[in-house]
Amino acid sequence: MQPVEQAEYEGVDYAWVMQTTFVVTIVVGAPVVALLSTVVALDSWGARAAFAVRVGAPIWFVTAVAVALYARRNEAGGDGAEENADGADTEGADGGTEESAEDSGESAERDEPATDGAGDSG
């Protein structure tokens, strides 16, 4: 099976920003638009759609800016390495770095010379 490709990036993960903005805007924006629509006379579907856009757009914009600033401040989606006050990476609780079993198996295979057993008479 082919391994899944993963993107390596530095800084802000904009895919995370877009996905989070979308979800938060739906979760927060839909109830706000629904509540505000109760105090306004909306006689046609066109008026309802225009109202949803007029109220939803600022909610989306504020949410997008807030999520982007949060991501920039925390570098959401980064490599997960924690930094101490000096800016140096800290090690995990076990004192080492994590490595998947697949990675360690591949490195072991690369380090050992390939032998087919036919030339090893002794």
C-alpha atoms as a PDB file:
ATOM      1  CA  MET A   1       0.000   0.000   0.000  1.00  0.00           C
ATOM      2  CA  GLN A   2       1.258   3.445  -0.907  1.00  0.00           C
ATOM      3  CA  PRO A   3       1.853   5.796   2.037  1.00  0.00           C
ATOM      4  CA  VAL A   4      -0.416   8.801   2.328  1.00  0.00           C
ATOM      5  CA  GLU A   5       1.306  11.996   1.280  1.00  0.00           C
ATOM      6  CA  GLN A   6       1.689  14.642   3.942  1.00  0.00           C
ATOM      7  CA  ALA A   7       2.575  18.270   3.412  1.00  0.00           C
ATOM      8  CA  GLU A   8       5.415  19.818   5.339  1.00  0.00           C
ATOM      9  CA  TYR A   9       4.991  23.511   5.976  1.00  0.00           C
ATOM     10  CA  GLU A  10       6.301  26.225   8.198  1.00  0.00           C
ATOM     11  CA  GLY A  11       4.136  28.786   9.898  1.00  0.00           C
ATOM     12  CA  VAL A  12       0.364  28.907   9.703  1.00  0.00           C
ATOM     13  CA  ASP A  13      -1.612  25.954   8.348  1.00  0.00           C
ATOM     14  CA  TYR A  14      -4.108  27.809   6.163  1.00  0.00           C
ATOM     15  CA  ALA A  15      -6.133  24.655   5.438  1.00  0.00           C
ATOM     16  CA  TRP A  16      -6.770  24.380   9.196  1.00  0.00           C
ATOM     17  CA  VAL A  17      -7.693  28.076   9.284  1.00  0.00           C
ATOM     18  CA  MET A  18     -10.217  27.669   6.451  1.00  0.00           C
ATOM     19  CA  GLN A  19     -11.773  24.512   7.905  1.00  0.00           C
ATOM     20  CA  THR A  20     -12.031  25.985  11.393  1.00  0.00           C
ATOM     21  CA  THR A  21     -13.466  29.238  10.046  1.00  0.00           C
ATOM     22  CA  PHE A  22     -16.107  27.294   8.126  1.00  0.00           C
ATOM     23  CA  VAL A  23     -17.180  25.203  11.114  1.00  0.00           C
ATOM     24  CA  VAL A  24     -17.166  28.041  13.647  1.00  0.00           C
ATOM     25  CA  THR A  25     -19.064  30.323  11.262  1.00  0.00           C
ATOM     26  CA  ILE A  26     -21.784  27.697  10.788  1.00  0.00           C
ATOM     27  CA  VAL A  27     -21.996  26.876  14.506  1.00  0.00           C
ATOM     28  CA  VAL A  28     -21.994  30.513  15.664  1.00  0.00           C
ATOM     29  CA  GLY A  29     -23.389  32.318  12.626  1.00  0.00           C
ATOM     30  CA  ALA A  30     -26.505  30.242  11.964  1.00  0.00           C
ATOM     31  CA  PRO A  31     -28.038  30.805  15.417  1.00  0.00           C
ATOM     32  CA  VAL A  32     -27.132  34.520  15.320  1.00  0.00           C
ATOM     33  CA  VAL A  33     -28.756  34.976  11.897  1.00  0.00           C
ATOM     34  CA  ALA A  34     -31.819  33.015  13.053  1.00  0.00           C
ATOM     35  CA  LEU A  35     -32.177  35.105  16.216  1.00  0.00           C
ATOM     36  CA  LEU A  36     -31.720  38.397  14.401  1.00  0.00           C
ATOM     37  CA  SER A  37     -34.225  37.390  11.718  1.00  0.00           C
ATOM     38  CA  THR A  38     -36.992  37.288  14.331  1.00  0.00           C
ATOM     39  CA  VAL A  39     -36.854  41.074  14.782  1.00  0.00           C
ATOM     40  CA  VAL A  40     -36.916  41.966  11.061  1.00  0.00           C
ATOM     41  CA  ALA A  41     -39.802  41.596   8.605  1.00  0.00           C
ATOM     42  CA  LEU A  42     -38.648  39.275   5.826  1.00  0.00           C
ATOM     43  CA  ASP A  43     -41.506  38.973   3.323  1.00  0.00           C
ATOM     44  CA  SER A  44     -39.847  37.058   0.463  1.00  0.00           C
ATOM     45  CA  TRP A  45     -37.111  34.490  -0.059  1.00  0.00           C
ATOM     46  CA  GLY A  46     -35.001  37.175  -1.705  1.00  0.00           C
ATOM     47  CA  ALA A  47     -35.280  39.354   1.400  1.00  0.00           C
ATOM     48  CA  ARG A  48     -34.369  36.384   3.596  1.00  0.00           C
ATOM     49  CA  ALA A  49     -31.319  35.543   1.485  1.00  0.00           C
ATOM     50  CA  ALA A  50     -30.161  39.162   1.412  1.00  0.00           C
ATOM     51  CA  PHE A  51     -30.579  39.388   5.186  1.00  0.00           C
ATOM     52  CA  ALA A  52     -28.584  36.188   5.720  1.00  0.00           C
ATOM     53  CA  VAL A  53     -25.769  37.546   3.544  1.00  0.00           C
ATOM     54  CA  ARG A  54     -25.777  40.981   5.211  1.00  0.00           C
ATOM     55  CA  VAL A  55     -25.594  39.452   8.699  1.00  0.00           C
ATOM     56  CA  GLY A  56     -23.551  36.342   7.860  1.00  0.00           C
ATOM     57  CA  ALA A  57     -20.745  38.083   5.977  1.00  0.00           C
ATOM     58  CA  PRO A  58     -19.530  40.148   8.946  1.00  0.00           C
ATOM     59  CA  ILE A  59     -19.775  37.077  11.191  1.00  0.00           C
ATOM     60  CA  TRP A  60     -17.675  35.100   8.703  1.00  0.00           C
ATOM     61  CA  PHE A  61     -15.135  37.929   8.364  1.00  0.00           C
ATOM     62  CA  VAL A  62     -14.706  38.380  12.134  1.00  0.00           C
ATOM     63  CA  THR A  63     -14.429  34.608  12.601  1.00  0.00           C
ATOM     64  CA  ALA A  64     -11.830  34.293   9.819  1.00  0.00           C
ATOM     65  CA  VAL A  65      -9.682  37.083  11.232  1.00  0.00           C
ATOM     66  CA  ALA A  66      -9.916  35.689  14.768  1.00  0.00           C
ATOM     67  CA  VAL A  67      -9.003  32.142  13.666  1.00  0.00           C
ATOM     68  CA  ALA A  68      -6.107  33.395  11.513  1.00  0.00           C
ATOM     69  CA  LEU A  69      -4.735  35.468  14.390  1.00  0.00           C
ATOM     70  CA  TYR A  70      -5.097  32.498  16.747  1.00  0.00           C
ATOM     71  CA  ALA A  71      -3.277  30.248  14.269  1.00  0.00           C
ATOM     72  CA  ARG A  72      -0.507  32.772  13.746  1.00  0.00           C
ATOM     73  CA  ARG A  73      -0.034  33.222  17.493  1.00  0.00           C
ATOM     74  CA  ASN A  74      -0.019  29.500  18.242  1.00  0.00           C
ATOM     75  CA  GLU A  75       1.112  28.198  14.852  1.00  0.00           C
ATOM     76  CA  ALA A  76      -1.790  25.737  14.901  1.00  0.00           C
ATOM     77  CA  GLY A  77      -1.039  22.499  13.114  1.00  0.00           C
ATOM     78  CA  GLY A  78       2.711  22.835  13.569  1.00  0.00           C
ATOM     79  CA  ASP A  79       5.101  19.981  14.218  1.00  0.00           C
ATOM     80  CA  GLY A  80       3.896  19.639  17.807  1.00  0.00           C
ATOM     81  CA  ALA A  81       7.307  20.283  19.340  1.00  0.00           C
ATOM     82  CA  GLU A  82       7.088  22.306  22.491  1.00  0.00           C
ATOM     83  CA  GLU A  83       9.575  25.039  23.127  1.00  0.00           C
ATOM     84  CA  ASN A  84      10.829  26.134  26.508  1.00  0.00           C
ATOM     85  CA  ALA A  85      11.494  29.747  27.493  1.00  0.00           C
ATOM     86  CA  ASP A  86      14.905  29.656  25.767  1.00  0.00           C
ATOM     87  CA  GLY A  87      13.317  28.625  22.449  1.00  0.00           C
ATOM     88  CA  ALA A  88      14.897  25.156  22.450  1.00  0.00           C
ATOM     89  CA  ASP A  89      12.819  22.110  21.612  1.00  0.00           C
ATOM     90  CA  THR A  90      11.969  19.924  24.587  1.00  0.00           C
ATOM     91  CA  GLU A  91      11.935  16.162  24.505  1.00  0.00           C
ATOM     92  CA  GLY A  92       8.934  13.987  25.270  1.00  0.00           C
ATOM     93  CA  ALA A  93       8.250  12.330  28.613  1.00  0.00           C
ATOM     94  CA  ASP A  94      10.299   9.271  27.658  1.00  0.00           C
ATOM     95  CA  GLY A  95      13.362  11.413  26.965  1.00  0.00           C
ATOM     96  CA  GLY A  96      13.530  10.590  23.291  1.00  0.00           C
ATOM     97  CA  THR A  97      11.841  11.288  20.031  1.00  0.00           C
ATOM     98  CA  GLU A  98       8.896   9.333  18.729  1.00  0.00           C
ATOM     99  CA  GLU A  99       9.386   7.170  15.667  1.00  0.00           C
ATOM    100  CA  SER A 100       6.797   4.939  14.079  1.00  0.00           C
ATOM    101  CA  ALA A 101       7.411   1.226  13.734  1.00  0.00           C
ATOM    102  CA  GLU A 102       7.293   1.549   9.967  1.00  0.00           C
ATOM    103  CA  ASP A 103      10.034   4.193   9.957  1.00  0.00           C
ATOM    104  CA  SER A 104      12.267   2.178  12.266  1.00  0.00           C
ATOM    105  CA  GLY A 105      11.771  -0.940  10.130  1.00  0.00           C
ATOM    106  CA  GLU A 106      12.670   0.913   6.974  1.00  0.00           C
ATOM    107  CA  SER A 107      15.817   2.364   8.505  1.00  0.00           C
ATOM    108  CA  ALA A 108      16.875  -1.078   9.743  1.00  0.00           C
ATOM    109  CA  GLU A 109      16.432  -2.512   6.261  1.00  0.00           C
ATOM    110  CA  ARG A 110      18.529   0.246   4.724  1.00  0.00           C
ATOM    111  CA  ASP A 111      21.380  -0.195   7.223  1.00  0.00           C
ATOM    112  CA  GLU A 112      21.815  -3.932   6.685  1.00  0.00           C
ATOM    113  CA  PRO A 113      23.507  -5.211   3.528  1.00  0.00           C
ATOM    114  CA  ALA A 114      21.335  -7.346   1.293  1.00  0.00           C
ATOM    115  CA  THR A 115      22.347 -11.040   1.280  1.00  0.00           C
ATOM    116  CA  ASP A 116      20.631 -13.911  -0.444  1.00  0.00           C
ATOM    117  CA  GLY A 117      22.359 -16.616   1.617  1.00  0.00           C
ATOM    118  CA  ALA A 118      23.970 -18.350  -1.392  1.00  0.00           C
ATOM    119  CA  GLY A 119      27.386 -16.768  -1.021  1.00  0.00           C
ATOM    120  CA  ASP A 120      27.722 -17.464   2.731  1.00  0.00           C
ATOM    121  CA  SER A 121      29.511 -20.815   2.816  1.00  0.00           C
ATOM    122  CA  GLY A 122      31.779 -21.122   5.639  1.00  0.00           C
END
